Amino acid sequence: MKTAYLYIRVSTDEQKRRGYSLPEQEDRLLKYCEYNNIEVKGIYREDFSAKTFNRPEWKKLMTLIKSKSSKEYKHILFIKWDRFSRNIEYAYEMLGILRKYKTTAMAIDQPLDLSVPESTVMLAVYLSVPEAENSRRALNTAAGIHRAKLMGRYPNKAPFGYINLTTMEGKKIIALKQPEADIIGWAFQQLAKNIHKIEDVRKMAEDKGLKCSRSHFYRIIRNPVYCGLVPIKFNSGEQDMIKGTHDPLISETLFYEVQRIITTKRVITAKEDLLKATFFLRGVLECPYCKRKLSGSFSRGSTKRYPYYHWQGKCKTRINAIFLNDCYQREIQQLVLSDKAADLFNLILKDWNTSTNKTVYLSNRNLILNA
């Protein structure tokens, strides 16, 4: 081996471990090359997980190796085999690819002569140990998250409107974050009134300063964490809710009322409200040809929907609803009450006020007499 490429890798959770930092690995590899008179052709420093080979620096190294002459032997040096890969299946596949381009991979702390058949046994051990460590770490992490949820803690990334904090005792908690928390609480209250569509509430919340996408907002209004509950899933597949230790943003009653509305009533209510607002003359207008009452519906175009008044039978009458509504409103605005009509309304209001006042006086009189 006269020349070699140095490959140095750490992942985020390995940065603080002794012997795994990038400078320490680089220093050891350079000393190894200096002692063995190996020329360093390039150094590739990686800060990425080794679960796959979909890593930026490794891709650059492979591009360089593939561009070299097929007759030239290449070598890649790293500290240990877990720097190369933490998945035995992908590792063997990559070794086969490297062999195709006449490239040898070698760990200086775990040297192997791959030309010797028996060395494949030790290679399997070196590659399987990191994979087993990953699996064990994943199980321990999952168990820790499960225990935290059973205790009412929320161990994941804080949802929108909350922030991750660490207490003086070192415990991880989530706390309310303003002004997002107040805006989300306001959005739940508006949805509970069932007078606006979900998208309209999201846009109103956005005007107040809530910056989130439509899909994110839909996840927010379905998240029980906001009412102080932590969802937990058991091995049996069943899901339960644990009372959380964090401060709730809304009450459980409000949360479940919103869930009831957005999953049942809202679809029907929103559609009916849109029809009533657009076709408020439906059932009043008469067709000029067949003299029947006109209905109204939307016609779907290539980019949007168009509203029309029409008869549902064989009559071909179709009138643009927006145009007709505007004409109707302009005509209404031009109407003026005659003097006699105004006088009649005044008399009616006086009679109404007299009757109302008389009822109030009699009620107060009876209360005084009975006292």
Foldseek 3Di string as FASTA:
>chain_A
DAEAEEEAEAEPVCCPPPCRHRVNFVVVVVVVCVVVNHHHPYYFYFHHQQQACPGVRSVVVVVVLVPDDLVDAYEYEGAACVSVHQHPVRSVVVCVVCVSSNYYYAHPNQGFDVVDVVSVVVVSVRNPVSNVVVVVVVVVVVVVCQVCVQVQAHPDQDAFQWHWDADPVGDIHIAGDPPRLVLLLVLLVVLLVLPDANVVSVVVSVVVPDDDDPVSSVVSLLDCVQQQWDWHADPVRDIDTDRHPYDHSDHPVSSVSSVVCVVPVNVVSVVVVVLCVQPVCQQPDADPPPRHTWHKDWDQDPPGIFIWTGHPDPDPDTDGSVVVVVVVVVVVVPDDDDPVVVVVVVVVVVVVVVVVVVVVVVVVVVVVVVD
